[in-house]
């Protein structure tokens, strides 16, 4: 199915983006500015990264992995539309629903990596920067695991 291949490509793109952020930080080619009070900002951004992980787990537990019934009817389509198989229409609706939440969770999972990159540029603690990148890696791997074990079976058949 095209949706399954597209989700694999999108997940790979998000993961590679975090790898690129990490490579930029390790290479030392980014301009680093010494901003005063960055230690407090570091802890606040670390808390934001942890909250992002908790939000994604919450989305999985309470929204994405819950069984949803999607009812569709060919009667709701505009006039002039040819005959439509309701089962095919329902599977397209489920795939659309899955794709929307998949993109949202991947974007949220990449956020700690972006936060870590910005924190590195501000001259934040390397430990917190790498912790944020680790959170991004962990969250993206969690999404990949849930994709393979649950989400694709529920939404893509």
N, C-alpha and C. Protein backbone atom coordinates (compact mmCIF):
# COMPACT_ATOMS: atom_id res chain seq x y z
N UNK A 1 0.84 -1.17 0.00
CA UNK A 1 0.00 0.00 0.00
C UNK A 1 0.89 1.25 0.00
N UNK A 2 0.48 2.27 -0.67
CA UNK A 2 1.28 3.48 -0.78
C UNK A 2 1.47 4.20 0.55
N UNK A 3 0.48 4.17 1.40
CA UNK A 3 0.57 4.86 2.68
C UNK A 3 1.67 4.25 3.55
N UNK A 4 1.81 2.94 3.52
CA UNK A 4 2.84 2.28 4.32
C UNK A 4 4.24 2.70 3.85
N UNK A 5 4.45 2.73 2.56
CA UNK A 5 5.75 3.16 2.03
C UNK A 5 6.01 4.62 2.36
N UNK A 6 4.98 5.45 2.24
CA UNK A 6 5.14 6.87 2.53
C UNK A 6 5.48 7.10 4.00
N UNK A 7 4.84 6.37 4.90
CA UNK A 7 5.17 6.53 6.32
C UNK A 7 6.60 6.08 6.61
N UNK A 8 7.05 5.04 5.93
CA UNK A 8 8.45 4.61 6.11
C UNK A 8 9.42 5.69 5.64
N UNK A 9 9.14 6.29 4.49
CA UNK A 9 10.00 7.36 3.98
C UNK A 9 9.97 8.58 4.90
N UNK A 10 8.79 8.95 5.38
CA UNK A 10 8.70 10.11 6.27
C UNK A 10 9.42 9.87 7.58
N UNK A 11 9.24 8.69 8.16
CA UNK A 11 9.93 8.40 9.40
C UNK A 11 11.44 8.46 9.19
N UNK A 12 11.92 7.90 8.08
CA UNK A 12 13.35 7.95 7.78
C UNK A 12 13.85 9.38 7.65
N UNK A 13 13.05 10.22 7.03
CA UNK A 13 13.44 11.63 6.87
C UNK A 13 13.55 12.33 8.22
N UNK A 14 12.60 12.09 9.10
CA UNK A 14 12.66 12.71 10.43
C UNK A 14 13.87 12.19 11.20
N UNK A 15 14.14 10.89 11.12
CA UNK A 15 15.28 10.31 11.84
C UNK A 15 16.60 10.85 11.29
N UNK A 16 16.71 10.93 9.98
CA UNK A 16 17.94 11.45 9.36
C UNK A 16 18.13 12.92 9.72
N UNK A 17 17.05 13.66 9.85
CA UNK A 17 17.17 15.07 10.26
C UNK A 17 17.82 15.17 11.64
N UNK A 18 17.41 14.31 12.57
CA UNK A 18 18.00 14.33 13.91
C UNK A 18 19.47 13.91 13.85
N UNK A 19 19.80 12.95 13.00
CA UNK A 19 21.19 12.53 12.83
C UNK A 19 22.02 13.71 12.29
N UNK A 20 21.45 14.46 11.36
CA UNK A 20 22.15 15.64 10.81
C UNK A 20 22.36 16.69 11.90
N UNK A 21 21.35 16.93 12.74
CA UNK A 21 21.53 17.88 13.85
C UNK A 21 22.68 17.44 14.74
N UNK A 22 22.72 16.13 15.04
CA UNK A 22 23.75 15.61 15.91
C UNK A 22 25.13 15.75 15.26
N UNK A 23 25.20 15.47 13.96
CA UNK A 23 26.47 15.61 13.24
C UNK A 23 26.95 17.06 13.23
N UNK A 24 26.02 18.00 13.07
CA UNK A 24 26.40 19.42 13.10
C UNK A 24 26.95 19.82 14.46
N UNK A 25 26.35 19.30 15.51
CA UNK A 25 26.80 19.63 16.86
C UNK A 25 28.18 19.03 17.12
N UNK A 26 28.36 17.78 16.74
CA UNK A 26 29.64 17.11 16.99
C UNK A 26 30.76 17.71 16.14
N UNK A 27 30.44 18.13 14.93
CA UNK A 27 31.48 18.65 14.03
C UNK A 27 32.11 19.94 14.54
N UNK A 28 31.39 20.70 15.32
CA UNK A 28 31.92 21.94 15.86
C UNK A 28 31.95 23.08 14.85
N UNK A 29 31.24 22.96 13.76
CA UNK A 29 31.23 24.00 12.74
C UNK A 29 30.16 25.06 12.95
N UNK A 30 29.30 24.86 13.92
CA UNK A 30 28.25 25.84 14.18
C UNK A 30 28.79 26.98 15.04
N UNK A 31 28.34 28.19 14.77
CA UNK A 31 28.76 29.29 15.64
C UNK A 31 28.08 29.16 17.01
N UNK A 32 28.88 29.20 18.04
CA UNK A 32 28.36 29.08 19.40
C UNK A 32 28.52 30.43 20.09
N UNK A 33 27.41 30.95 20.59
CA UNK A 33 27.44 32.23 21.27
C UNK A 33 27.28 31.99 22.77
N UNK A 34 28.00 32.76 23.55
CA UNK A 34 27.90 32.64 24.99
C UNK A 34 26.83 33.61 25.48
N UNK A 35 25.67 33.07 25.78
CA UNK A 35 24.54 33.87 26.24
C UNK A 35 24.45 33.73 27.75
N UNK A 36 24.31 34.84 28.44
CA UNK A 36 24.19 34.79 29.89
C UNK A 36 22.86 34.18 30.30
N UNK A 37 22.86 33.43 31.39
CA UNK A 37 21.64 32.81 31.90
C UNK A 37 21.18 31.61 31.11
N UNK A 38 22.07 31.03 30.33
CA UNK A 38 21.68 29.90 29.49
C UNK A 38 21.47 28.63 30.31
N UNK A 39 22.00 28.59 31.53
CA UNK A 39 21.83 27.39 32.35
C UNK A 39 20.36 27.19 32.72
N UNK A 40 19.68 28.24 33.10
CA UNK A 40 18.25 28.13 33.42
C UNK A 40 17.46 27.76 32.16
N UNK A 41 17.83 28.37 31.04
CA UNK A 41 17.16 28.06 29.78
C UNK A 41 17.38 26.59 29.43
N UNK A 42 18.57 26.07 29.71
CA UNK A 42 18.88 24.67 29.41
C UNK A 42 17.93 23.72 30.15
N UNK A 43 17.71 23.99 31.43
CA UNK A 43 16.83 23.12 32.20
C UNK A 43 15.38 23.25 31.76
N UNK A 44 14.98 24.44 31.38
CA UNK A 44 13.61 24.64 30.88
C UNK A 44 13.42 23.88 29.57
N UNK A 45 14.40 23.96 28.68
CA UNK A 45 14.30 23.26 27.40
C UNK A 45 14.39 21.74 27.59
N UNK A 46 15.15 21.29 28.56
CA UNK A 46 15.19 19.86 28.87
C UNK A 46 13.82 19.39 29.35
N UNK A 47 13.17 20.19 30.18
CA UNK A 47 11.82 19.87 30.63
C UNK A 47 10.85 19.82 29.45
N UNK A 48 11.01 20.73 28.50
CA UNK A 48 10.17 20.72 27.29
C UNK A 48 10.39 19.44 26.49
N UNK A 49 11.63 18.98 26.39
CA UNK A 49 11.92 17.74 25.68
C UNK A 49 11.29 16.54 26.36
N UNK A 50 11.33 16.50 27.68
CA UNK A 50 10.73 15.40 28.43
C UNK A 50 9.21 15.44 28.28
N UNK A 51 8.64 16.63 28.33
CA UNK A 51 7.19 16.77 28.15
C UNK A 51 6.78 16.32 26.76
N UNK A 52 7.62 16.59 25.76
CA UNK A 52 7.32 16.14 24.40
C UNK A 52 7.24 14.61 24.34
N UNK A 53 8.18 13.94 24.99
CA UNK A 53 8.15 12.48 25.04
C UNK A 53 6.86 11.99 25.70
N UNK A 54 6.49 12.60 26.81
CA UNK A 54 5.27 12.21 27.52
C UNK A 54 4.02 12.47 26.68
N UNK A 55 4.01 13.56 25.93
CA UNK A 55 2.87 13.86 25.05
C UNK A 55 2.73 12.80 23.97
N UNK A 56 3.84 12.38 23.40
CA UNK A 56 3.79 11.37 22.34
C UNK A 56 3.31 10.03 22.89
N UNK A 57 3.78 9.64 24.06
CA UNK A 57 3.29 8.40 24.68
C UNK A 57 1.80 8.54 24.99
N UNK A 58 1.38 9.70 25.46
CA UNK A 58 -0.04 9.93 25.72
C UNK A 58 -0.87 9.87 24.45
N UNK A 59 -0.37 10.47 23.37
CA UNK A 59 -1.07 10.37 22.09
C UNK A 59 -1.23 8.92 21.66
N UNK A 60 -0.18 8.16 21.85
CA UNK A 60 -0.23 6.75 21.47
C UNK A 60 -1.26 6.00 22.31
N UNK A 61 -1.17 6.14 23.61
CA UNK A 61 -2.03 5.37 24.50
C UNK A 61 -3.49 5.79 24.42
N UNK A 62 -3.75 7.09 24.38
CA UNK A 62 -5.12 7.56 24.48
C UNK A 62 -5.79 7.89 23.15
N UNK A 63 -5.03 8.00 22.06
CA UNK A 63 -5.66 8.41 20.82
C UNK A 63 -5.35 7.47 19.65
N UNK A 64 -4.10 7.31 19.33
CA UNK A 64 -3.76 6.58 18.11
C UNK A 64 -4.02 5.08 18.24
N UNK A 65 -3.66 4.49 19.35
CA UNK A 65 -3.79 3.03 19.51
C UNK A 65 -5.17 2.59 19.96
N UNK A 66 -6.07 3.51 20.15
CA UNK A 66 -7.44 3.15 20.50
C UNK A 66 -8.19 2.77 19.22
N UNK A 67 -9.05 1.82 19.34
CA UNK A 67 -9.83 1.41 18.19
C UNK A 67 -10.87 2.48 17.87
N UNK A 68 -10.86 2.91 16.63
CA UNK A 68 -11.83 3.91 16.17
C UNK A 68 -12.68 3.30 15.08
N UNK A 69 -13.94 3.58 15.14
CA UNK A 69 -14.83 3.12 14.08
C UNK A 69 -15.06 4.28 13.13
N UNK A 70 -14.74 4.03 11.89
CA UNK A 70 -14.93 5.06 10.87
C UNK A 70 -16.05 4.58 9.98
N UNK A 71 -17.13 5.33 9.99
CA UNK A 71 -18.29 4.98 9.18
C UNK A 71 -18.32 5.89 7.97
N UNK A 72 -18.39 5.30 6.82
CA UNK A 72 -18.51 6.08 5.58
C UNK A 72 -19.65 5.50 4.77
N UNK A 73 -20.19 6.34 3.93
CA UNK A 73 -21.27 5.91 3.08
C UNK A 73 -21.12 6.57 1.73
N UNK A 74 -21.35 5.80 0.69
CA UNK A 74 -21.28 6.36 -0.66
C UNK A 74 -22.39 7.39 -0.88
N UNK A 75 -23.43 7.37 -0.05
CA UNK A 75 -24.52 8.34 -0.18
C UNK A 75 -24.05 9.76 0.15
N UNK A 76 -23.00 9.89 0.93
CA UNK A 76 -22.51 11.20 1.33
C UNK A 76 -21.65 11.87 0.26
N UNK A 77 -21.28 11.13 -0.77
CA UNK A 77 -20.46 11.69 -1.84
C UNK A 77 -21.28 12.62 -2.73
N UNK A 78 -20.63 13.55 -3.39
CA UNK A 78 -21.38 14.47 -4.27
C UNK A 78 -22.05 13.72 -5.42
N UNK A 79 -23.11 14.33 -5.93
CA UNK A 79 -23.83 13.75 -7.08
C UNK A 79 -22.90 13.69 -8.28
N UNK A 80 -23.07 12.71 -9.10
CA UNK A 80 -22.25 12.57 -10.29
C UNK A 80 -21.02 11.71 -10.06
N UNK A 81 -20.78 11.33 -8.80
CA UNK A 81 -19.67 10.45 -8.50
C UNK A 81 -20.10 9.04 -8.86
N UNK A 82 -19.22 8.34 -9.51
CA UNK A 82 -19.53 6.97 -9.93
C UNK A 82 -19.72 6.05 -8.74
N UNK A 83 -20.05 4.81 -8.99
CA UNK A 83 -20.22 3.87 -7.89
C UNK A 83 -18.90 3.68 -7.13
N UNK A 84 -19.03 3.66 -5.82
CA UNK A 84 -17.85 3.57 -4.96
C UNK A 84 -18.01 2.38 -4.02
N UNK A 85 -16.94 1.65 -3.84
CA UNK A 85 -16.94 0.55 -2.89
C UNK A 85 -16.76 1.14 -1.49
N UNK A 86 -17.72 0.88 -0.61
CA UNK A 86 -17.67 1.47 0.73
C UNK A 86 -16.50 0.94 1.56
N UNK A 87 -16.10 -0.30 1.34
CA UNK A 87 -14.95 -0.84 2.06
C UNK A 87 -13.67 -0.11 1.66
N UNK A 88 -13.51 0.16 0.37
CA UNK A 88 -12.34 0.90 -0.12
C UNK A 88 -12.35 2.33 0.43
N UNK A 89 -13.53 2.92 0.46
CA UNK A 89 -13.67 4.28 1.00
C UNK A 89 -13.30 4.31 2.48
N UNK A 90 -13.73 3.30 3.24
CA UNK A 90 -13.40 3.22 4.66
C UNK A 90 -11.90 3.02 4.87
N UNK A 91 -11.26 2.19 4.06
CA UNK A 91 -9.82 1.98 4.22
C UNK A 91 -9.04 3.25 3.87
N UNK A 92 -9.51 4.02 2.88
CA UNK A 92 -8.86 5.29 2.56
C UNK A 92 -9.03 6.29 3.70
N UNK A 93 -10.19 6.30 4.33
CA UNK A 93 -10.42 7.20 5.47
C UNK A 93 -9.54 6.83 6.64
N UNK A 94 -9.39 5.53 6.92
CA UNK A 94 -8.51 5.09 8.00
C UNK A 94 -7.06 5.44 7.72
N UNK A 95 -6.63 5.28 6.47
CA UNK A 95 -5.25 5.61 6.11
C UNK A 95 -5.00 7.11 6.24
N UNK A 96 -5.99 7.91 5.88
CA UNK A 96 -5.86 9.36 6.01
C UNK A 96 -5.76 9.77 7.48
N UNK A 97 -6.59 9.16 8.31
CA UNK A 97 -6.58 9.42 9.75
C UNK A 97 -5.22 9.06 10.34
N UNK A 98 -4.69 7.90 9.96
CA UNK A 98 -3.40 7.44 10.46
C UNK A 98 -2.27 8.37 10.00
N UNK A 99 -2.29 8.76 8.74
CA UNK A 99 -1.22 9.61 8.20
C UNK A 99 -1.15 10.95 8.94
N UNK A 100 -2.30 11.53 9.22
CA UNK A 100 -2.34 12.81 9.93
C UNK A 100 -1.69 12.70 11.30
N UNK A 101 -2.06 11.70 12.08
CA UNK A 101 -1.48 11.55 13.42
C UNK A 101 -0.03 11.09 13.37
N UNK A 102 0.34 10.33 12.36
CA UNK A 102 1.72 9.90 12.21
C UNK A 102 2.64 11.11 11.99
N UNK A 103 2.25 12.01 11.11
CA UNK A 103 3.08 13.18 10.84
C UNK A 103 3.18 14.08 12.07
N UNK A 104 2.08 14.23 12.80
CA UNK A 104 2.10 15.04 14.02
C UNK A 104 3.06 14.44 15.05
N UNK A 105 3.00 13.13 15.26
CA UNK A 105 3.88 12.52 16.26
C UNK A 105 5.34 12.57 15.84
N UNK A 106 5.62 12.39 14.56
CA UNK A 106 7.03 12.47 14.11
C UNK A 106 7.57 13.88 14.25
N UNK A 107 6.76 14.88 13.95
CA UNK A 107 7.20 16.26 14.09
C UNK A 107 7.45 16.59 15.56
N UNK A 108 6.58 16.11 16.44
CA UNK A 108 6.80 16.31 17.87
C UNK A 108 8.05 15.58 18.35
N UNK A 109 8.31 14.39 17.80
CA UNK A 109 9.49 13.63 18.21
C UNK A 109 10.78 14.30 17.77
N UNK A 110 10.73 15.02 16.66
CA UNK A 110 11.93 15.70 16.17
C UNK A 110 12.21 16.98 16.97
N UNK A 111 11.21 17.52 17.63
CA UNK A 111 11.34 18.79 18.35
C UNK A 111 12.48 18.82 19.37
N UNK A 112 12.68 17.78 20.21
CA UNK A 112 13.83 17.85 21.13
C UNK A 112 15.17 17.96 20.41
N UNK A 113 15.29 17.38 19.22
CA UNK A 113 16.53 17.51 18.45
C UNK A 113 16.75 18.94 18.01
N UNK A 114 15.70 19.59 17.56
CA UNK A 114 15.80 21.00 17.17
C UNK A 114 16.12 21.87 18.38
N UNK A 115 15.46 21.57 19.50
CA UNK A 115 15.73 22.31 20.73
C UNK A 115 17.19 22.14 21.15
N UNK A 116 17.70 20.91 21.04
CA UNK A 116 19.11 20.66 21.38
C UNK A 116 20.06 21.42 20.47
N UNK A 117 19.74 21.50 19.19
CA UNK A 117 20.56 22.25 18.24
C UNK A 117 20.59 23.74 18.60
N UNK A 118 19.44 24.29 18.91
CA UNK A 118 19.35 25.70 19.29
C UNK A 118 20.09 25.94 20.60
N UNK A 119 19.94 25.03 21.54
CA UNK A 119 20.62 25.17 22.82
C UNK A 119 22.14 25.11 22.64
N UNK A 120 22.60 24.27 21.75
CA UNK A 120 24.04 24.21 21.46
C UNK A 120 24.53 25.54 20.89
N UNK A 121 23.76 26.11 19.99
CA UNK A 121 24.14 27.40 19.40
C UNK A 121 24.18 28.50 20.46
N UNK A 122 23.29 28.40 21.46
CA UNK A 122 23.27 29.39 22.55
C UNK A 122 24.37 29.15 23.57
N UNK A 123 25.10 28.05 23.43
CA UNK A 123 26.19 27.78 24.35
C UNK A 123 25.76 27.01 25.58
N UNK A 124 24.73 26.20 25.45
CA UNK A 124 24.23 25.42 26.58
C UNK A 124 25.13 24.27 26.94
N UNK A 125 24.81 23.63 28.02
CA UNK A 125 25.57 22.49 28.53
C UNK A 125 25.56 21.34 27.52
N UNK A 126 26.73 20.80 27.19
CA UNK A 126 26.78 19.67 26.25
C UNK A 126 26.00 18.45 26.74
N UNK A 127 25.96 18.25 28.05
CA UNK A 127 25.23 17.11 28.59
C UNK A 127 23.74 17.25 28.29
N UNK A 128 23.20 18.43 28.50
CA UNK A 128 21.77 18.65 28.24
C UNK A 128 21.49 18.60 26.74
N UNK A 129 22.39 19.15 25.94
CA UNK A 129 22.22 19.11 24.48
C UNK A 129 22.15 17.66 23.99
N UNK A 130 23.06 16.83 24.44
CA UNK A 130 23.07 15.43 24.01
C UNK A 130 21.91 14.64 24.61
N UNK A 131 21.46 15.04 25.80
CA UNK A 131 20.28 14.41 26.38
C UNK A 131 19.05 14.70 25.53
N UNK A 132 18.93 15.94 25.07
CA UNK A 132 17.80 16.28 24.20
C UNK A 132 17.86 15.51 22.88
N UNK A 133 19.05 15.37 22.33
CA UNK A 133 19.17 14.57 21.10
C UNK A 133 18.84 13.10 21.37
N UNK A 134 19.25 12.60 22.52
CA UNK A 134 18.90 11.23 22.90
C UNK A 134 17.40 11.05 23.05
N UNK A 135 16.73 12.05 23.61
CA UNK A 135 15.27 12.00 23.70
C UNK A 135 14.63 11.94 22.32
N UNK A 136 15.17 12.72 21.38
CA UNK A 136 14.64 12.70 20.01
C UNK A 136 14.85 11.33 19.38
N UNK A 137 16.04 10.75 19.53
CA UNK A 137 16.29 9.41 18.99
C UNK A 137 15.35 8.38 19.62
N UNK A 138 15.26 8.42 20.94
CA UNK A 138 14.42 7.45 21.65
C UNK A 138 12.96 7.56 21.21
N UNK A 139 12.46 8.78 21.11
CA UNK A 139 11.07 8.98 20.74
C UNK A 139 10.81 8.52 19.31
N UNK A 140 11.72 8.81 18.40
CA UNK A 140 11.53 8.35 17.02
C UNK A 140 11.60 6.82 16.93
N UNK A 141 12.47 6.20 17.71
CA UNK A 141 12.52 4.74 17.73
C UNK A 141 11.25 4.15 18.36
N UNK A 142 10.70 4.82 19.35
CA UNK A 142 9.43 4.40 19.95
C UNK A 142 8.32 4.44 18.90
N UNK A 143 8.29 5.52 18.12
CA UNK A 143 7.29 5.65 17.07
C UNK A 143 7.46 4.53 16.05
N UNK A 144 8.69 4.24 15.68
CA UNK A 144 8.95 3.18 14.70
C UNK A 144 8.47 1.83 15.22
N UNK A 145 8.73 1.57 16.50
CA UNK A 145 8.29 0.32 17.09
C UNK A 145 6.76 0.22 17.08
N UNK A 146 6.09 1.30 17.45
CA UNK A 146 4.63 1.29 17.47
C UNK A 146 4.05 1.19 16.06
N UNK A 147 4.73 1.80 15.09
CA UNK A 147 4.29 1.67 13.70
C UNK A 147 4.28 0.20 13.29
N UNK A 148 5.38 -0.47 13.55
CA UNK A 148 5.54 -1.85 13.08
C UNK A 148 4.64 -2.83 13.83
N UNK A 149 4.41 -2.59 15.11
CA UNK A 149 3.67 -3.57 15.90
C UNK A 149 2.17 -3.31 15.98
N UNK A 150 1.75 -2.05 15.92
CA UNK A 150 0.34 -1.77 16.17
C UNK A 150 -0.31 -0.91 15.10
N UNK A 151 0.22 0.26 14.86
CA UNK A 151 -0.48 1.26 14.05
C UNK A 151 -0.76 0.78 12.63
N UNK A 152 0.23 0.20 11.97
CA UNK A 152 0.03 -0.22 10.58
C UNK A 152 -1.00 -1.33 10.49
N UNK A 153 -1.04 -2.22 11.47
CA UNK A 153 -2.04 -3.29 11.46
C UNK A 153 -3.43 -2.73 11.68
N UNK A 154 -3.55 -1.72 12.54
CA UNK A 154 -4.86 -1.15 12.83
C UNK A 154 -5.42 -0.34 11.67
N UNK A 155 -4.56 0.47 11.06
CA UNK A 155 -5.05 1.44 10.09
C UNK A 155 -4.82 1.05 8.63
N UNK A 156 -3.84 0.22 8.38
CA UNK A 156 -3.54 -0.12 6.99
C UNK A 156 -3.88 -1.57 6.66
N UNK A 157 -4.42 -2.27 7.61
CA UNK A 157 -4.90 -3.62 7.34
C UNK A 157 -3.87 -4.63 7.50
